[in-house]
Amino acid sequence: MRSKYGPMGRFAVDIEIVNNEDLVRAKHGFIDASQVRRVTIKGWVDTGAAYLVLPQSVVDEIGLPLRPKKLKVRYADGRRATRSEADEARVFLLGRDGIFRAIVEPKRDTALIGAIVLEDLDLLIDAKNQKLYPRDPESVFAEIE
């Protein structure tokens, strides 16, 4: 959807994806920090998506492990497919980081950043200005009962 301000609900940011298993091995001295596999790519923030979606090429490049079962996915246009799911994707975004599973998309060249990632990293969306920002710049603000 477009408004006079541009496309609403979707905009791009740079996102770093790191193999979390490599980070753990480097932390414990099993590999050198320079051997940690990582890549920075364009990620589309999509308020209508739930999950993290990564290109197959990124999953292969940084060696993310795949889960044994495939997922059924539905696209915005109604198409359905079965996709692999990668584990141990550490996402770095706006000074925050978290470990996520990711749907693997064979023909994609950008990431898709869905609501689960945004919620976990406590990032808010300014759709009008097409920006992300932390709710509290100093730390993640966790809401609990």
C-alpha atoms as a PDB file:
ATOM      1  CA  MET A   1       0.000   0.000   0.000  1.00  0.00           C
ATOM      2  CA  ARG A   2       1.231   3.508  -0.770  1.00  0.00           C
ATOM      3  CA  SER A   3       0.423   6.840   0.791  1.00  0.00           C
ATOM      4  CA  LYS A   4       1.658  10.342   0.059  1.00  0.00           C
ATOM      5  CA  TYR A   5       4.626   9.429   2.289  1.00  0.00           C
ATOM      6  CA  GLY A   6       5.646   6.353   0.250  1.00  0.00           C
ATOM      7  CA  PRO A   7       5.092   2.632   0.835  1.00  0.00           C
ATOM      8  CA  MET A   8       3.456   2.004   4.202  1.00  0.00           C
ATOM      9  CA  GLY A   9       4.452  -0.873   6.466  1.00  0.00           C
ATOM     10  CA  ARG A  10       7.571  -1.925   4.501  1.00  0.00           C
ATOM     11  CA  PHE A  11      11.002  -0.344   4.354  1.00  0.00           C
ATOM     12  CA  ALA A  12      14.615  -1.500   4.245  1.00  0.00           C
ATOM     13  CA  VAL A  13      17.350  -1.478   6.894  1.00  0.00           C
ATOM     14  CA  ASP A  14      20.777  -3.086   7.048  1.00  0.00           C
ATOM     15  CA  ILE A  15      20.823  -6.220   9.167  1.00  0.00           C
ATOM     16  CA  GLU A  16      23.767  -8.374  10.217  1.00  0.00           C
ATOM     17  CA  ILE A  17      23.219 -12.129  10.332  1.00  0.00           C
ATOM     18  CA  VAL A  18      25.806 -14.226  12.189  1.00  0.00           C
ATOM     19  CA  ASN A  19      26.156 -17.952  12.720  1.00  0.00           C
ATOM     20  CA  ASN A  20      25.521 -18.167  16.477  1.00  0.00           C
ATOM     21  CA  GLU A  21      27.231 -21.558  16.770  1.00  0.00           C
ATOM     22  CA  ASP A  22      30.413 -19.873  15.463  1.00  0.00           C
ATOM     23  CA  LEU A  23      30.061 -17.122  18.085  1.00  0.00           C
ATOM     24  CA  VAL A  24      29.812 -19.724  20.854  1.00  0.00           C
ATOM     25  CA  ARG A  25      32.859 -21.627  19.533  1.00  0.00           C
ATOM     26  CA  ALA A  26      34.847 -18.355  19.359  1.00  0.00           C
ATOM     27  CA  LYS A  27      33.768 -17.403  22.894  1.00  0.00           C
ATOM     28  CA  HIS A  28      35.146 -20.696  24.213  1.00  0.00           C
ATOM     29  CA  GLY A  29      38.362 -20.445  22.198  1.00  0.00           C
ATOM     30  CA  PHE A  30      37.658 -23.267  19.741  1.00  0.00           C
ATOM     31  CA  ILE A  31      37.928 -20.920  16.739  1.00  0.00           C
ATOM     32  CA  ASP A  32      39.382 -17.458  16.230  1.00  0.00           C
ATOM     33  CA  ALA A  33      36.891 -14.580  16.232  1.00  0.00           C
ATOM     34  CA  SER A  34      37.889 -13.839  12.626  1.00  0.00           C
ATOM     35  CA  GLN A  35      36.438 -17.240  11.641  1.00  0.00           C
ATOM     36  CA  VAL A  36      32.908 -16.348  12.764  1.00  0.00           C
ATOM     37  CA  ARG A  37      30.744 -16.403   9.651  1.00  0.00           C
ATOM     38  CA  ARG A  38      28.639 -13.283   9.201  1.00  0.00           C
ATOM     39  CA  VAL A  39      26.993 -11.215   6.506  1.00  0.00           C
ATOM     40  CA  THR A  40      25.313  -7.813   6.362  1.00  0.00           C
ATOM     41  CA  ILE A  41      22.369  -7.604   3.970  1.00  0.00           C
ATOM     42  CA  LYS A  42      19.347  -5.451   3.288  1.00  0.00           C
ATOM     43  CA  GLY A  43      16.370  -6.479   5.374  1.00  0.00           C
ATOM     44  CA  TRP A  44      12.817  -5.434   4.654  1.00  0.00           C
ATOM     45  CA  VAL A  45      10.843  -4.534   7.759  1.00  0.00           C
ATOM     46  CA  ASP A  46       7.373  -5.882   7.082  1.00  0.00           C
ATOM     47  CA  THR A  47       4.638  -5.195   9.606  1.00  0.00           C
ATOM     48  CA  GLY A  48       2.484  -7.888   8.013  1.00  0.00           C
ATOM     49  CA  ALA A  49       5.054 -10.668   8.390  1.00  0.00           C
ATOM     50  CA  ALA A  50       5.653 -12.715  11.530  1.00  0.00           C
ATOM     51  CA  TYR A  51       8.995 -14.448  11.014  1.00  0.00           C
ATOM     52  CA  LEU A  52      12.552 -13.821   9.947  1.00  0.00           C
ATOM     53  CA  VAL A  53      13.080 -14.919   6.340  1.00  0.00           C
ATOM     54  CA  LEU A  54      16.588 -15.361   4.938  1.00  0.00           C
ATOM     55  CA  PRO A  55      17.849 -16.048   1.434  1.00  0.00           C
ATOM     56  CA  GLN A  56      19.141 -19.578   0.851  1.00  0.00           C
ATOM     57  CA  SER A  57      22.436 -18.018  -0.283  1.00  0.00           C
ATOM     58  CA  VAL A  58      22.939 -16.357   3.138  1.00  0.00           C
ATOM     59  CA  VAL A  59      22.045 -19.539   5.043  1.00  0.00           C
ATOM     60  CA  ASP A  60      24.595 -21.439   2.932  1.00  0.00           C
ATOM     61  CA  GLU A  61      27.279 -18.722   3.146  1.00  0.00           C
ATOM     62  CA  ILE A  62      27.293 -18.562   6.936  1.00  0.00           C
ATOM     63  CA  GLY A  63      26.528 -22.247   7.465  1.00  0.00           C
ATOM     64  CA  LEU A  64      23.323 -22.055   9.484  1.00  0.00           C
ATOM     65  CA  PRO A  65      22.063 -25.508  10.511  1.00  0.00           C
ATOM     66  CA  LEU A  66      18.688 -26.592   9.124  1.00  0.00           C
ATOM     67  CA  ARG A  67      15.933 -28.045  11.283  1.00  0.00           C
ATOM     68  CA  PRO A  68      14.838 -31.565  10.305  1.00  0.00           C
ATOM     69  CA  LYS A  69      11.209 -30.712   9.483  1.00  0.00           C
ATOM     70  CA  LYS A  70      10.090 -28.276   6.819  1.00  0.00           C
ATOM     71  CA  LEU A  71       7.475 -25.574   7.380  1.00  0.00           C
ATOM     72  CA  LYS A  72       4.337 -24.811   5.446  1.00  0.00           C
ATOM     73  CA  VAL A  73       4.269 -21.136   4.471  1.00  0.00           C
ATOM     74  CA  ARG A  74       1.650 -18.868   2.938  1.00  0.00           C
ATOM     75  CA  TYR A  75       2.641 -15.809   0.940  1.00  0.00           C
ATOM     76  CA  ALA A  76       0.781 -12.497   0.948  1.00  0.00           C
ATOM     77  CA  ASP A  77      -0.618 -13.295  -2.522  1.00  0.00           C
ATOM     78  CA  GLY A  78      -2.141 -16.552  -1.221  1.00  0.00           C
ATOM     79  CA  ARG A  79       0.415 -18.993  -2.655  1.00  0.00           C
ATOM     80  CA  ARG A  80       1.527 -21.826  -0.391  1.00  0.00           C
ATOM     81  CA  ALA A  81       4.817 -23.676  -0.249  1.00  0.00           C
ATOM     82  CA  THR A  82       7.012 -25.830   1.953  1.00  0.00           C
ATOM     83  CA  ARG A  83      10.303 -24.282   3.106  1.00  0.00           C
ATOM     84  CA  SER A  84      13.309 -25.232   5.198  1.00  0.00           C
ATOM     85  CA  GLU A  85      13.879 -23.594   8.559  1.00  0.00           C
ATOM     86  CA  ALA A  86      17.342 -22.532   9.700  1.00  0.00           C
ATOM     87  CA  ASP A  87      18.475 -22.414  13.327  1.00  0.00           C
ATOM     88  CA  GLU A  88      20.992 -20.292  15.202  1.00  0.00           C
ATOM     89  CA  ALA A  89      20.688 -17.059  13.213  1.00  0.00           C
ATOM     90  CA  ARG A  90      21.985 -14.284  15.449  1.00  0.00           C
ATOM     91  CA  VAL A  91      20.536 -10.977  14.264  1.00  0.00           C
ATOM     92  CA  PHE A  92      22.250  -7.660  14.998  1.00  0.00           C
ATOM     93  CA  LEU A  93      20.052  -4.627  14.414  1.00  0.00           C
ATOM     94  CA  LEU A  94      20.286  -1.113  15.856  1.00  0.00           C
ATOM     95  CA  GLY A  95      22.638  -2.155  18.641  1.00  0.00           C
ATOM     96  CA  ARG A  96      20.407  -5.037  19.680  1.00  0.00           C
ATOM     97  CA  ASP A  97      20.792  -8.736  19.023  1.00  0.00           C
ATOM     98  CA  GLY A  98      18.884 -11.967  19.386  1.00  0.00           C
ATOM     99  CA  ILE A  99      18.952 -15.563  18.206  1.00  0.00           C
ATOM    100  CA  PHE A 100      16.187 -16.636  15.837  1.00  0.00           C
ATOM    101  CA  ARG A 101      14.985 -19.417  13.596  1.00  0.00           C
ATOM    102  CA  ALA A 102      14.512 -18.306  10.001  1.00  0.00           C
ATOM    103  CA  ILE A 103      12.432 -19.462   7.074  1.00  0.00           C
ATOM    104  CA  VAL A 104      14.759 -20.178   4.153  1.00  0.00           C
ATOM    105  CA  GLU A 105      13.656 -18.688   0.844  1.00  0.00           C
ATOM    106  CA  PRO A 106      15.543 -20.088  -2.184  1.00  0.00           C
ATOM    107  CA  LYS A 107      15.092 -17.180  -4.617  1.00  0.00           C
ATOM    108  CA  ARG A 108      15.339 -14.216  -2.217  1.00  0.00           C
ATOM    109  CA  ASP A 109      18.306 -11.841  -2.058  1.00  0.00           C
ATOM    110  CA  THR A 110      17.160  -9.780   0.937  1.00  0.00           C
ATOM    111  CA  ALA A 111      15.982 -10.651   4.421  1.00  0.00           C
ATOM    112  CA  LEU A 112      12.438 -10.148   5.673  1.00  0.00           C
ATOM    113  CA  ILE A 113      12.205  -8.894   9.250  1.00  0.00           C
ATOM    114  CA  GLY A 114       8.886  -9.827  10.798  1.00  0.00           C
ATOM    115  CA  ALA A 115       7.105  -9.012  14.024  1.00  0.00           C
ATOM    116  CA  ILE A 116       8.767 -11.725  16.132  1.00  0.00           C
ATOM    117  CA  VAL A 117      12.213 -10.203  15.578  1.00  0.00           C
ATOM    118  CA  LEU A 118      10.966  -6.653  16.142  1.00  0.00           C
ATOM    119  CA  GLU A 119       9.166  -7.613  19.359  1.00  0.00           C
ATOM    120  CA  ASP A 120      12.102  -9.569  20.747  1.00  0.00           C
ATOM    121  CA  LEU A 121      14.540  -6.723  20.045  1.00  0.00           C
ATOM    122  CA  ASP A 122      11.992  -4.203  21.407  1.00  0.00           C
ATOM    123  CA  LEU A 123      12.056  -2.100  18.252  1.00  0.00           C
ATOM    124  CA  LEU A 124       9.232   0.225  17.287  1.00  0.00           C
ATOM    125  CA  ILE A 125       8.229   1.184  13.762  1.00  0.00           C
ATOM    126  CA  ASP A 126       7.743   4.715  12.491  1.00  0.00           C
ATOM    127  CA  ALA A 127       5.995   3.797   9.228  1.00  0.00           C
ATOM    128  CA  LYS A 128       5.461   7.405   8.163  1.00  0.00           C
ATOM    129  CA  ASN A 129       9.199   8.137   8.271  1.00  0.00           C
ATOM    130  CA  GLN A 130      10.187   4.547   7.420  1.00  0.00           C
ATOM    131  CA  LYS A 131      12.424   4.082  10.465  1.00  0.00           C
ATOM    132  CA  LEU A 132      12.969   1.671  13.290  1.00  0.00           C
ATOM    133  CA  TYR A 133      13.926   2.823  16.740  1.00  0.00           C
ATOM    134  CA  PRO A 134      14.338   1.202  20.157  1.00  0.00           C
ATOM    135  CA  ARG A 135      11.538   1.857  22.630  1.00  0.00           C
ATOM    136  CA  ASP A 136      14.179   2.583  25.273  1.00  0.00           C
ATOM    137  CA  PRO A 137      17.610   3.476  23.823  1.00  0.00           C
ATOM    138  CA  GLU A 138      19.411   2.181  26.919  1.00  0.00           C
ATOM    139  CA  SER A 139      17.959  -1.340  27.139  1.00  0.00           C
ATOM    140  CA  VAL A 140      15.266  -3.731  26.038  1.00  0.00           C
ATOM    141  CA  PHE A 141      12.023  -2.981  27.856  1.00  0.00           C
ATOM    142  CA  ALA A 142      10.344  -6.278  28.785  1.00  0.00           C
ATOM    143  CA  GLU A 143       6.652  -6.286  29.515  1.00  0.00           C
ATOM    144  CA  ILE A 144       5.619  -8.907  32.063  1.00  0.00           C
ATOM    145  CA  GLU A 145       2.553  -9.510  34.173  1.00  0.00           C
END
